[in-house]
C-alpha cells in the first residue's frame, strides 16, 4: 500500500513539474520545488528521473543579483521529448 502511494506521489509530482516548466519556462530546481509546493526529496528524485528519461534537461546556470553561493542550474523541457514518456 505504501509503495503505491509513493508511486502516485511520484506521478503527480512529475506531472506538476512538467506542467510548471511548460507554463513558466526554464527555472531553477529550488524555484520549481517552491512553485509546485512538493516535498524536496520527492521532487529531487522525480527531477532526476525526468532528466534520465530525457523529458527535462539542464540549460545552464544563472545567478540572481545579490544572491550568494553557486549559480543555480536552470531546468527546461526537452522539446524533442514525448510527454507520454514521463516515468511512472
Foldseek 3Di string as FASTA:
>chain_A
DVVVVLVVLLVVLLVLLLVCCVVPNKDFLVVSCVVSVDDSVSNVVQVVQCVVLQQKDWDAFDDDPPDDDDTTTIMHGDPVDDPVSRPD
